[in-house]
Amino acid sequence: MKLPIGLRAVLVAVLSGLLFVGVAGTASAAPPTKDAAAAECAGHGVPLSKISVQLYTFAGYIGGGAGAQERHEEVLRRLAEMGYRNVEPYTLSDWTAEEYAALLDEYDLKASARHVDVGSPENPADIEQILADNRTLGIKYFGSGSTAGAPWVGEVETEAEWIAYAEYLDAVGEQARKAGQTLFVHNHDFEFTTVFGDRTAFDILMQHTQKKNVVSQLDLYWVAEAGLDPIDVIEEYGNRIKLFHVKDLNPALGNRIEIVGRGNIDFPSIFAAGGGSTRYYVVEHDPRFGDPTFDPFEAAQEGLDYLTCVTY
């Protein structure tokens, strides 16, 4: 059927307009904004209130000496701009607890936990001062970045020494509990590869401390590096595991620590096993000292993006 000229003109105009809109819309389409991506993930990933980042990720960048405070503050500023609400300090960079608390407040950040040397039977720490600083910083969870059984520390080797160390930690944990705070044990691989009979050193630390006094900050990478499935550890110790250090493992590069989401650790299954007892999911990537290709800010951003959207 041949349409009247006027009707054909109208039809052509309408179709041309639709074609233009479609093409123009395609040409001008921009990738989703960060806010749009966050909205898309809302309600699916880990709540922002439970996501933190261990600042040791930036140890190579912050460094020490002149300029360390300026670089440390830059890290806090940029993390806040990324969207982090929590950080986990490993150093105060010579600021007092009061000064550091003010700095966190300036960038609308909270300290979810803290790595600080809590000592050992041979070298006890000033726990009262640590607890006082924690109160000022608003910190509930704290513990050493490494146990005294670390090969580079060498204070704890025999089974009896591990038991004595655990008993020391239990006393510190009791002191912390009475002050309204919680001591944690942060592991590496050696607590799982050091074995006495049918017990690992990690077992000794858990069995010779009371769960009301000492909890676990489970570093998922180091458990996997030790050859264990983190889910087995979670099922063994249940809600004593209150915090996760979330960092990935790259088997193609000799089990190198990898940016979260780029490795082969099955975080969704691990998070599901952790259930509701997990207080904080802490992004971490140990520094690659001397490697100019490593960008700790990239590691922090990708870790945040992954946790925000992960489903489990």
C-alpha atoms as a PDB file:
ATOM      1  CA  MET A   1       0.000   0.000   0.000  1.00  0.00           C
ATOM      2  CA  LYS A   2       1.322   3.404  -0.972  1.00  0.00           C
ATOM      3  CA  LEU A   3       1.082   5.954   1.844  1.00  0.00           C
ATOM      4  CA  PRO A   4       0.078   9.550   1.129  1.00  0.00           C
ATOM      5  CA  ILE A   5       3.062  11.876   0.740  1.00  0.00           C
ATOM      6  CA  GLY A   6       2.219  13.836   3.897  1.00  0.00           C
ATOM      7  CA  LEU A   7       1.935  10.726   6.010  1.00  0.00           C
ATOM      8  CA  ARG A   8       5.165   9.371   4.581  1.00  0.00           C
ATOM      9  CA  ALA A   9       6.946  12.603   5.469  1.00  0.00           C
ATOM     10  CA  VAL A  10       5.734  12.454   9.031  1.00  0.00           C
ATOM     11  CA  LEU A  11       6.758   8.810   9.328  1.00  0.00           C
ATOM     12  CA  VAL A  12      10.242   9.488   7.929  1.00  0.00           C
ATOM     13  CA  ALA A  13      10.696  12.392  10.325  1.00  0.00           C
ATOM     14  CA  VAL A  14       9.668  10.298  13.308  1.00  0.00           C
ATOM     15  CA  LEU A  15      11.901   7.383  12.325  1.00  0.00           C
ATOM     16  CA  SER A  16      14.814   9.735  11.677  1.00  0.00           C
ATOM     17  CA  GLY A  17      14.359  11.300  15.078  1.00  0.00           C
ATOM     18  CA  LEU A  18      14.311   7.928  16.779  1.00  0.00           C
ATOM     19  CA  LEU A  19      17.411   6.873  14.885  1.00  0.00           C
ATOM     20  CA  PHE A  20      19.188  10.075  15.877  1.00  0.00           C
ATOM     21  CA  VAL A  21      18.314   9.653  19.528  1.00  0.00           C
ATOM     22  CA  GLY A  22      19.469   6.062  19.473  1.00  0.00           C
ATOM     23  CA  VAL A  23      22.781   6.873  17.794  1.00  0.00           C
ATOM     24  CA  ALA A  24      23.388   9.962  19.884  1.00  0.00           C
ATOM     25  CA  GLY A  25      22.574   8.092  23.043  1.00  0.00           C
ATOM     26  CA  THR A  26      25.032   5.373  22.086  1.00  0.00           C
ATOM     27  CA  ALA A  27      27.762   7.812  21.174  1.00  0.00           C
ATOM     28  CA  SER A  28      27.464   9.812  24.353  1.00  0.00           C
ATOM     29  CA  ALA A  29      27.002   6.898  26.740  1.00  0.00           C
ATOM     30  CA  ALA A  30      29.549   7.090  29.560  1.00  0.00           C
ATOM     31  CA  PRO A  31      30.687   4.267  31.817  1.00  0.00           C
ATOM     32  CA  PRO A  32      28.814   4.031  35.111  1.00  0.00           C
ATOM     33  CA  THR A  33      29.983   6.537  37.677  1.00  0.00           C
ATOM     34  CA  LYS A  34      31.550   5.379  40.927  1.00  0.00           C
ATOM     35  CA  ASP A  35      28.374   6.396  42.751  1.00  0.00           C
ATOM     36  CA  ALA A  36      26.255   4.466  40.253  1.00  0.00           C
ATOM     37  CA  ALA A  37      28.442   1.396  40.650  1.00  0.00           C
ATOM     38  CA  ALA A  38      28.179   1.668  44.425  1.00  0.00           C
ATOM     39  CA  ALA A  39      24.410   1.993  44.169  1.00  0.00           C
ATOM     40  CA  GLU A  40      24.287  -1.078  41.952  1.00  0.00           C
ATOM     41  CA  CYS A  41      26.163  -3.081  44.601  1.00  0.00           C
ATOM     42  CA  ALA A  42      24.235  -1.660  47.554  1.00  0.00           C
ATOM     43  CA  GLY A  43      22.920  -4.381  49.785  1.00  0.00           C
ATOM     44  CA  HIS A  44      24.949  -7.095  48.051  1.00  0.00           C
ATOM     45  CA  GLY A  45      28.496  -6.769  49.372  1.00  0.00           C
ATOM     46  CA  VAL A  46      30.110  -6.191  52.740  1.00  0.00           C
ATOM     47  CA  PRO A  47      28.645  -3.100  54.460  1.00  0.00           C
ATOM     48  CA  LEU A  48      31.011  -0.135  54.379  1.00  0.00           C
ATOM     49  CA  SER A  49      30.823  -0.003  58.165  1.00  0.00           C
ATOM     50  CA  LYS A  50      32.583  -3.393  58.266  1.00  0.00           C
ATOM     51  CA  ILE A  51      35.248  -2.704  55.641  1.00  0.00           C
ATOM     52  CA  SER A  52      38.664  -1.474  56.747  1.00  0.00           C
ATOM     53  CA  VAL A  53      42.200  -1.348  55.373  1.00  0.00           C
ATOM     54  CA  GLN A  54      45.459  -2.219  57.131  1.00  0.00           C
ATOM     55  CA  LEU A  55      47.737   0.765  56.687  1.00  0.00           C
ATOM     56  CA  TYR A  56      50.783  -1.516  56.513  1.00  0.00           C
ATOM     57  CA  THR A  57      49.761  -1.765  52.855  1.00  0.00           C
ATOM     58  CA  PHE A  58      51.320   1.717  52.586  1.00  0.00           C
ATOM     59  CA  ALA A  59      54.410   1.059  54.713  1.00  0.00           C
ATOM     60  CA  GLY A  60      56.692   1.380  51.694  1.00  0.00           C
ATOM     61  CA  TYR A  61      55.041   4.665  50.757  1.00  0.00           C
ATOM     62  CA  ILE A  62      54.825   6.201  54.229  1.00  0.00           C
ATOM     63  CA  GLY A  63      58.309   5.152  55.249  1.00  0.00           C
ATOM     64  CA  GLY A  64      59.892   6.933  58.191  1.00  0.00           C
ATOM     65  CA  GLY A  65      61.892  10.030  59.050  1.00  0.00           C
ATOM     66  CA  ALA A  66      61.317  13.391  57.420  1.00  0.00           C
ATOM     67  CA  GLY A  67      58.067  13.605  55.505  1.00  0.00           C
ATOM     68  CA  ALA A  68      56.546  10.450  56.976  1.00  0.00           C
ATOM     69  CA  GLN A  69      53.737  12.331  58.696  1.00  0.00           C
ATOM     70  CA  GLU A  70      52.867  14.214  55.521  1.00  0.00           C
ATOM     71  CA  ARG A  71      52.778  10.986  53.516  1.00  0.00           C
ATOM     72  CA  HIS A  72      50.767   9.244  56.234  1.00  0.00           C
ATOM     73  CA  GLU A  73      48.217  12.035  56.216  1.00  0.00           C
ATOM     74  CA  GLU A  74      48.022  11.879  52.428  1.00  0.00           C
ATOM     75  CA  VAL A  75      47.200   8.177  52.697  1.00  0.00           C
ATOM     76  CA  LEU A  76      44.366   8.894  55.132  1.00  0.00           C
ATOM     77  CA  ARG A  77      43.003  11.647  52.900  1.00  0.00           C
ATOM     78  CA  ARG A  78      43.041   9.512  49.773  1.00  0.00           C
ATOM     79  CA  LEU A  79      41.492   6.526  51.533  1.00  0.00           C
ATOM     80  CA  ALA A  80      38.659   8.738  52.735  1.00  0.00           C
ATOM     81  CA  GLU A  81      38.185   9.991  49.174  1.00  0.00           C
ATOM     82  CA  MET A  82      37.984   6.384  47.944  1.00  0.00           C
ATOM     83  CA  GLY A  83      35.110   5.800  50.325  1.00  0.00           C
ATOM     84  CA  TYR A  84      36.763   4.034  53.247  1.00  0.00           C
ATOM     85  CA  ARG A  85      35.275   4.726  56.643  1.00  0.00           C
ATOM     86  CA  ASN A  86      37.706   2.615  58.678  1.00  0.00           C
ATOM     87  CA  VAL A  87      41.458   2.133  58.819  1.00  0.00           C
ATOM     88  CA  GLU A  88      43.721  -0.169  60.816  1.00  0.00           C
ATOM     89  CA  PRO A  89      46.945   1.615  61.849  1.00  0.00           C
ATOM     90  CA  TYR A  90      50.247  -0.170  62.368  1.00  0.00           C
ATOM     91  CA  THR A  91      52.070   2.991  63.433  1.00  0.00           C
ATOM     92  CA  LEU A  92      51.130   6.457  64.644  1.00  0.00           C
ATOM     93  CA  SER A  93      54.135   7.988  62.818  1.00  0.00           C
ATOM     94  CA  ASP A  94      55.273   9.811  65.987  1.00  0.00           C
ATOM     95  CA  TRP A  95      51.924  11.517  66.535  1.00  0.00           C
ATOM     96  CA  THR A  96      50.429  11.212  69.991  1.00  0.00           C
ATOM     97  CA  ALA A  97      47.230   9.230  70.321  1.00  0.00           C
ATOM     98  CA  GLU A  98      45.364  12.515  70.764  1.00  0.00           C
ATOM     99  CA  GLU A  99      46.897  13.971  67.597  1.00  0.00           C
ATOM    100  CA  TYR A 100      46.174  10.836  65.597  1.00  0.00           C
ATOM    101  CA  ALA A 101      42.584  10.718  66.822  1.00  0.00           C
ATOM    102  CA  ALA A 102      42.148  14.335  65.688  1.00  0.00           C
ATOM    103  CA  LEU A 103      43.604  13.443  62.280  1.00  0.00           C
ATOM    104  CA  LEU A 104      41.170  10.560  61.859  1.00  0.00           C
ATOM    105  CA  ASP A 105      38.329  12.839  62.825  1.00  0.00           C
ATOM    106  CA  GLU A 106      39.435  15.413  60.263  1.00  0.00           C
ATOM    107  CA  TYR A 107      39.019  12.852  57.483  1.00  0.00           C
ATOM    108  CA  ASP A 108      35.894  11.277  58.964  1.00  0.00           C
ATOM    109  CA  LEU A 109      37.664   7.968  59.560  1.00  0.00           C
ATOM    110  CA  LYS A 110      37.557   5.529  62.457  1.00  0.00           C
ATOM    111  CA  ALA A 111      40.238   3.123  63.636  1.00  0.00           C
ATOM    112  CA  SER A 112      38.603  -0.304  63.428  1.00  0.00           C
ATOM    113  CA  ALA A 113      41.558  -1.983  65.136  1.00  0.00           C
ATOM    114  CA  ARG A 114      45.269  -1.500  65.652  1.00  0.00           C
ATOM    115  CA  HIS A 115      48.496  -3.439  65.298  1.00  0.00           C
ATOM    116  CA  VAL A 116      50.768  -2.655  68.225  1.00  0.00           C
ATOM    117  CA  ASP A 117      53.443  -4.756  69.901  1.00  0.00           C
ATOM    118  CA  VAL A 118      51.898  -6.317  73.016  1.00  0.00           C
ATOM    119  CA  GLY A 119      55.119  -8.003  74.044  1.00  0.00           C
ATOM    120  CA  SER A 120      55.990 -11.478  75.281  1.00  0.00           C
ATOM    121  CA  PRO A 121      57.004 -13.144  78.577  1.00  0.00           C
ATOM    122  CA  GLU A 122      60.629 -12.197  77.873  1.00  0.00           C
ATOM    123  CA  ASN A 123      59.806  -8.653  76.743  1.00  0.00           C
ATOM    124  CA  PRO A 124      56.485  -7.517  78.232  1.00  0.00           C
ATOM    125  CA  ALA A 125      54.894  -4.377  76.843  1.00  0.00           C
ATOM    126  CA  ASP A 126      53.384  -1.434  78.704  1.00  0.00           C
ATOM    127  CA  ILE A 127      49.825  -2.671  78.354  1.00  0.00           C
ATOM    128  CA  GLU A 128      48.331   0.129  80.465  1.00  0.00           C
ATOM    129  CA  GLN A 129      49.732   2.712  78.059  1.00  0.00           C
ATOM    130  CA  ILE A 130      48.483   0.744  75.047  1.00  0.00           C
ATOM    131  CA  LEU A 131      45.007   0.529  76.546  1.00  0.00           C
ATOM    132  CA  ALA A 132      45.030   4.254  77.337  1.00  0.00           C
ATOM    133  CA  ASP A 133      46.031   5.105  73.762  1.00  0.00           C
ATOM    134  CA  ASN A 134      43.376   2.727  72.434  1.00  0.00           C
ATOM    135  CA  ARG A 135      40.717   4.535  74.453  1.00  0.00           C
ATOM    136  CA  THR A 136      41.825   7.846  72.987  1.00  0.00           C
ATOM    137  CA  LEU A 137      41.796   6.387  69.470  1.00  0.00           C
ATOM    138  CA  GLY A 138      38.407   4.760  69.969  1.00  0.00           C
ATOM    139  CA  ILE A 139      39.867   1.299  69.335  1.00  0.00           C
ATOM    140  CA  LYS A 140      38.305  -1.913  70.634  1.00  0.00           C
ATOM    141  CA  TYR A 141      40.426  -4.584  68.879  1.00  0.00           C
ATOM    142  CA  PHE A 142      44.224  -4.668  69.007  1.00  0.00           C
ATOM    143  CA  GLY A 143      47.162  -7.045  68.830  1.00  0.00           C
ATOM    144  CA  SER A 144      50.704  -7.521  67.616  1.00  0.00           C
ATOM    145  CA  GLY A 145      51.291  -7.554  63.889  1.00  0.00           C
ATOM    146  CA  SER A 146      53.160 -10.810  64.388  1.00  0.00           C
ATOM    147  CA  THR A 147      53.372 -13.351  67.190  1.00  0.00           C
ATOM    148  CA  ALA A 148      56.597 -13.791  69.138  1.00  0.00           C
ATOM    149  CA  GLY A 149      57.076 -17.107  67.351  1.00  0.00           C
ATOM    150  CA  ALA A 150      57.967 -15.392  64.093  1.00  0.00           C
ATOM    151  CA  PRO A 151      61.276 -16.665  62.678  1.00  0.00           C
ATOM    152  CA  TRP A 152      62.525 -13.064  62.503  1.00  0.00           C
ATOM    153  CA  VAL A 153      61.734 -12.640  66.216  1.00  0.00           C
ATOM    154  CA  GLY A 154      62.835 -16.037  67.459  1.00  0.00           C
ATOM    155  CA  GLU A 155      61.585 -15.693  71.028  1.00  0.00           C
ATOM    156  CA  VAL A 156      59.252 -18.697  70.918  1.00  0.00           C
ATOM    157  CA  GLU A 157      60.328 -22.067  69.527  1.00  0.00           C
ATOM    158  CA  THR A 158      59.514 -25.032  71.770  1.00  0.00           C
ATOM    159  CA  GLU A 159      56.029 -26.247  72.682  1.00  0.00           C
ATOM    160  CA  ALA A 160      56.580 -25.118  76.287  1.00  0.00           C
ATOM    161  CA  GLU A 161      57.554 -21.641  75.070  1.00  0.00           C
ATOM    162  CA  TRP A 162      54.422 -21.431  72.883  1.00  0.00           C
ATOM    163  CA  ILE A 163      52.285 -22.395  75.892  1.00  0.00           C
ATOM    164  CA  ALA A 164      53.985 -19.804  78.103  1.00  0.00           C
ATOM    165  CA  TYR A 165      53.457 -17.186  75.391  1.00  0.00           C
ATOM    166  CA  ALA A 166      49.781 -18.104  75.111  1.00  0.00           C
ATOM    167  CA  GLU A 167      49.387 -17.754  78.876  1.00  0.00           C
ATOM    168  CA  TYR A 168      51.017 -14.327  78.696  1.00  0.00           C
ATOM    169  CA  LEU A 169      48.571 -13.305  75.963  1.00  0.00           C
ATOM    170  CA  ASP A 170      45.666 -14.571  78.019  1.00  0.00           C
ATOM    171  CA  ALA A 171      46.722 -12.337  80.917  1.00  0.00           C
ATOM    172  CA  VAL A 172      47.016  -9.361  78.550  1.00  0.00           C
ATOM    173  CA  GLY A 173      43.637 -10.239  77.094  1.00  0.00           C
ATOM    174  CA  GLU A 174      42.048 -10.354  80.530  1.00  0.00           C
ATOM    175  CA  GLN A 175      43.495  -6.927  81.294  1.00  0.00           C
ATOM    176  CA  ALA A 176      42.116  -5.650  77.997  1.00  0.00           C
ATOM    177  CA  ARG A 177      38.678  -7.203  78.575  1.00  0.00           C
ATOM    178  CA  LYS A 178      38.374  -5.483  81.938  1.00  0.00           C
ATOM    179  CA  ALA A 179      39.140  -2.213  80.140  1.00  0.00           C
ATOM    180  CA  GLY A 180      36.414  -2.867  77.561  1.00  0.00           C
ATOM    181  CA  GLN A 181      38.834  -3.865  74.793  1.00  0.00           C
ATOM    182  CA  THR A 182      39.706  -7.096  72.982  1.00  0.00           C
ATOM    183  CA  LEU A 183      43.104  -8.610  72.256  1.00  0.00           C
ATOM    184  CA  PHE A 184      43.533 -10.544  69.029  1.00  0.00           C
ATOM    185  CA  VAL A 185      46.155 -12.879  67.603  1.00  0.00           C
ATOM    186  CA  HIS A 186      47.171 -12.071  64.031  1.00  0.00           C
ATOM    187  CA  ASN A 187      48.688 -15.055  62.250  1.00  0.00           C
ATOM    188  CA  HIS A 188      51.193 -15.671  59.518  1.00  0.00           C
ATOM    189  CA  ASP A 189      51.881 -19.063  57.973  1.00  0.00           C
ATOM    190  CA  PHE A 190      54.344 -20.331  60.577  1.00  0.00           C
ATOM    191  CA  GLU A 191      51.695 -20.662  63.309  1.00  0.00           C
ATOM    192  CA  PHE A 192      50.136 -23.352  61.093  1.00  0.00           C
ATOM    193  CA  THR A 193      53.333 -24.986  59.843  1.00  0.00           C
ATOM    194  CA  THR A 194      54.867 -25.229  63.335  1.00  0.00           C
ATOM    195  CA  VAL A 195      53.503 -28.507  64.682  1.00  0.00           C
ATOM    196  CA  PHE A 196      53.864 -30.319  67.998  1.00  0.00           C
ATOM    197  CA  GLY A 197      52.288 -33.755  67.812  1.00  0.00           C
ATOM    198  CA  ASP A 198      48.756 -33.205  66.574  1.00  0.00           C
ATOM    199  CA  ARG A 199      48.669 -29.481  67.432  1.00  0.00           C
ATOM    200  CA  THR A 200      49.819 -26.471  65.487  1.00  0.00           C
ATOM    201  CA  ALA A 201      51.215 -23.424  67.222  1.00  0.00           C
ATOM    202  CA  PHE A 202      47.936 -21.688  66.331  1.00  0.00           C
ATOM    203  CA  ASP A 203      46.042 -24.461  68.141  1.00  0.00           C
ATOM    204  CA  ILE A 204      48.196 -23.870  71.208  1.00  0.00           C
ATOM    205  CA  LEU A 205      47.489 -20.138  71.135  1.00  0.00           C
ATOM    206  CA  MET A 206      43.755 -20.787  70.948  1.00  0.00           C
ATOM    207  CA  GLN A 207      43.668 -23.670  73.437  1.00  0.00           C
ATOM    208  CA  HIS A 208      45.775 -21.952  76.099  1.00  0.00           C
ATOM    209  CA  THR A 209      43.836 -18.685  75.993  1.00  0.00           C
ATOM    210  CA  GLN A 210      40.218 -18.144  76.954  1.00  0.00           C
ATOM    211  CA  LYS A 211      37.851 -17.087  74.209  1.00  0.00           C
ATOM    212  CA  LYS A 212      36.590 -14.277  76.411  1.00  0.00           C
ATOM    213  CA  ASN A 213      40.146 -12.894  76.557  1.00  0.00           C
ATOM    214  CA  VAL A 214      41.696 -13.553  73.148  1.00  0.00           C
ATOM    215  CA  VAL A 215      40.170 -13.698  69.657  1.00  0.00           C
ATOM    216  CA  SER A 216      41.612 -14.231  66.187  1.00  0.00           C
ATOM    217  CA  GLN A 217      42.289 -11.808  63.383  1.00  0.00           C
ATOM    218  CA  LEU A 218      42.606 -14.467  60.694  1.00  0.00           C
ATOM    219  CA  ASP A 219      44.915 -13.534  57.838  1.00  0.00           C
ATOM    220  CA  LEU A 220      43.371 -15.490  54.980  1.00  0.00           C
ATOM    221  CA  TYR A 221      46.387 -15.284  52.697  1.00  0.00           C
ATOM    222  CA  TRP A 222      48.785 -16.729  55.260  1.00  0.00           C
ATOM    223  CA  VAL A 223      46.432 -19.576  56.110  1.00  0.00           C
ATOM    224  CA  ALA A 224      46.231 -20.480  52.409  1.00  0.00           C
ATOM    225  CA  GLU A 225      49.987 -20.053  51.985  1.00  0.00           C
ATOM    226  CA  ALA A 226      50.467 -22.565  54.825  1.00  0.00           C
ATOM    227  CA  GLY A 227      48.499 -25.072  52.749  1.00  0.00           C
ATOM    228  CA  LEU A 228      45.272 -24.990  54.757  1.00  0.00           C
ATOM    229  CA  ASP A 229      41.732 -24.130  53.800  1.00  0.00           C
ATOM    230  CA  PRO A 230      40.667 -21.060  55.827  1.00  0.00           C
ATOM    231  CA  ILE A 231      37.160 -22.551  56.059  1.00  0.00           C
ATOM    232  CA  ASP A 232      38.555 -25.471  58.095  1.00  0.00           C
ATOM    233  CA  VAL A 233      40.095 -23.027  60.571  1.00  0.00           C
ATOM    234  CA  ILE A 234      36.848 -21.055  60.748  1.00  0.00           C
ATOM    235  CA  GLU A 235      34.832 -24.198  61.381  1.00  0.00           C
ATOM    236  CA  GLU A 236      37.287 -25.255  64.097  1.00  0.00           C
ATOM    237  CA  TYR A 237      37.307 -21.968  66.026  1.00  0.00           C
ATOM    238  CA  GLY A 238      33.940 -20.476  65.100  1.00  0.00           C
ATOM    239  CA  ASN A 239      33.100 -17.084  66.490  1.00  0.00           C
ATOM    240  CA  ARG A 240      36.515 -16.645  68.095  1.00  0.00           C
ATOM    241  CA  ILE A 241      37.488 -15.357  64.662  1.00  0.00           C
ATOM    242  CA  LYS A 242      36.314 -11.753  64.758  1.00  0.00           C
ATOM    243  CA  LEU A 243      38.327 -10.113  61.974  1.00  0.00           C
ATOM    244  CA  PHE A 244      39.602 -11.151  58.553  1.00  0.00           C
ATOM    245  CA  HIS A 245      42.700  -9.827  56.859  1.00  0.00           C
ATOM    246  CA  VAL A 246      41.594  -9.979  53.242  1.00  0.00           C
ATOM    247  CA  LYS A 247      44.440 -10.406  50.785  1.00  0.00           C
ATOM    248  CA  ASP A 248      44.710 -12.690  47.799  1.00  0.00           C
ATOM    249  CA  LEU A 249      47.156 -15.362  46.623  1.00  0.00           C
ATOM    250  CA  ASN A 250      48.561 -15.737  43.115  1.00  0.00           C
ATOM    251  CA  PRO A 251      49.713 -19.344  42.502  1.00  0.00           C
ATOM    252  CA  ALA A 252      51.039 -18.447  39.046  1.00  0.00           C
ATOM    253  CA  LEU A 253      53.631 -16.179  40.668  1.00  0.00           C
ATOM    254  CA  GLY A 254      54.920 -18.468  43.407  1.00  0.00           C
ATOM    255  CA  ASN A 255      51.984 -17.843  45.737  1.00  0.00           C
ATOM    256  CA  ARG A 256      52.737 -14.131  45.764  1.00  0.00           C
ATOM    257  CA  ILE A 257      50.436 -11.850  47.730  1.00  0.00           C
ATOM    258  CA  GLU A 258      47.999 -10.450  45.198  1.00  0.00           C
ATOM    259  CA  ILE A 259      45.511  -7.596  44.968  1.00  0.00           C
ATOM    260  CA  VAL A 260      42.144  -8.719  46.290  1.00  0.00           C
ATOM    261  CA  GLY A 261      40.069 -10.317  43.542  1.00  0.00           C
ATOM    262  CA  ARG A 262      43.005 -11.098  41.254  1.00  0.00           C
ATOM    263  CA  GLY A 263      44.081 -14.326  42.956  1.00  0.00           C
ATOM    264  CA  ASN A 264      42.493 -17.684  43.659  1.00  0.00           C
ATOM    265  CA  ILE A 265      41.243 -17.429  47.244  1.00  0.00           C
ATOM    266  CA  ASP A 266      37.516 -18.196  47.415  1.00  0.00           C
ATOM    267  CA  PHE A 267      36.464 -15.218  49.518  1.00  0.00           C
ATOM    268  CA  PRO A 268      32.682 -15.671  49.096  1.00  0.00           C
ATOM    269  CA  SER A 269      32.793 -19.178  50.590  1.00  0.00           C
ATOM    270  CA  ILE A 270      35.083 -18.020  53.393  1.00  0.00           C
ATOM    271  CA  PHE A 271      32.868 -15.038  54.222  1.00  0.00           C
ATOM    272  CA  ALA A 272      29.799 -17.268  54.230  1.00  0.00           C
ATOM    273  CA  ALA A 273      31.539 -19.630  56.653  1.00  0.00           C
ATOM    274  CA  GLY A 274      32.451 -16.692  58.911  1.00  0.00           C
ATOM    275  CA  GLY A 275      28.807 -15.755  59.219  1.00  0.00           C
ATOM    276  CA  GLY A 276      27.654 -12.941  61.454  1.00  0.00           C
ATOM    277  CA  SER A 277      30.571 -13.102  63.883  1.00  0.00           C
ATOM    278  CA  THR A 278      32.939 -11.240  61.537  1.00  0.00           C
ATOM    279  CA  ARG A 279      33.300  -7.677  62.784  1.00  0.00           C
ATOM    280  CA  TYR A 280      35.674  -6.303  60.149  1.00  0.00           C
ATOM    281  CA  TYR A 281      36.915  -7.310  56.704  1.00  0.00           C
ATOM    282  CA  VAL A 282      40.328  -5.665  56.442  1.00  0.00           C
ATOM    283  CA  VAL A 283      41.915  -5.151  53.026  1.00  0.00           C
ATOM    284  CA  GLU A 284      45.663  -5.670  53.119  1.00  0.00           C
ATOM    285  CA  HIS A 285      48.534  -6.114  50.711  1.00  0.00           C
ATOM    286  CA  ASP A 286      51.995  -6.456  52.232  1.00  0.00           C
ATOM    287  CA  PRO A 287      54.283  -3.899  50.577  1.00  0.00           C
ATOM    288  CA  ARG A 288      56.522  -4.979  47.720  1.00  0.00           C
ATOM    289  CA  PHE A 289      59.464  -2.990  48.985  1.00  0.00           C
ATOM    290  CA  GLY A 290      61.672  -1.857  46.130  1.00  0.00           C
ATOM    291  CA  ASP A 291      59.112  -2.739  43.458  1.00  0.00           C
ATOM    292  CA  PRO A 292      58.120   0.519  41.701  1.00  0.00           C
ATOM    293  CA  THR A 293      55.317  -1.256  39.818  1.00  0.00           C
ATOM    294  CA  PHE A 294      53.336  -1.858  43.013  1.00  0.00           C
ATOM    295  CA  ASP A 295      50.769   0.840  43.741  1.00  0.00           C
ATOM    296  CA  PRO A 296      49.295   0.515  47.248  1.00  0.00           C
ATOM    297  CA  PHE A 297      46.514   2.952  46.379  1.00  0.00           C
ATOM    298  CA  GLU A 298      45.444   0.689  43.522  1.00  0.00           C
ATOM    299  CA  ALA A 299      45.457  -2.283  45.903  1.00  0.00           C
ATOM    300  CA  ALA A 300      43.305  -0.382  48.394  1.00  0.00           C
ATOM    301  CA  GLN A 301      40.840   0.808  45.746  1.00  0.00           C
ATOM    302  CA  GLU A 302      40.412  -2.618  44.158  1.00  0.00           C
ATOM    303  CA  GLY A 303      40.038  -4.215  47.564  1.00  0.00           C
ATOM    304  CA  LEU A 304      37.292  -1.785  48.484  1.00  0.00           C
ATOM    305  CA  ASP A 305      35.537  -2.287  45.139  1.00  0.00           C
ATOM    306  CA  TYR A 306      35.675  -6.061  45.557  1.00  0.00           C
ATOM    307  CA  LEU A 307      34.316  -6.116  49.096  1.00  0.00           C
ATOM    308  CA  THR A 308      31.594  -3.628  48.248  1.00  0.00           C
ATOM    309  CA  CYS A 309      30.212  -5.893  45.531  1.00  0.00           C
ATOM    310  CA  VAL A 310      31.077  -9.427  46.653  1.00  0.00           C
ATOM    311  CA  THR A 311      28.124 -11.724  47.295  1.00  0.00           C
ATOM    312  CA  TYR A 312      28.194 -14.660  49.670  1.00  0.00           C
END
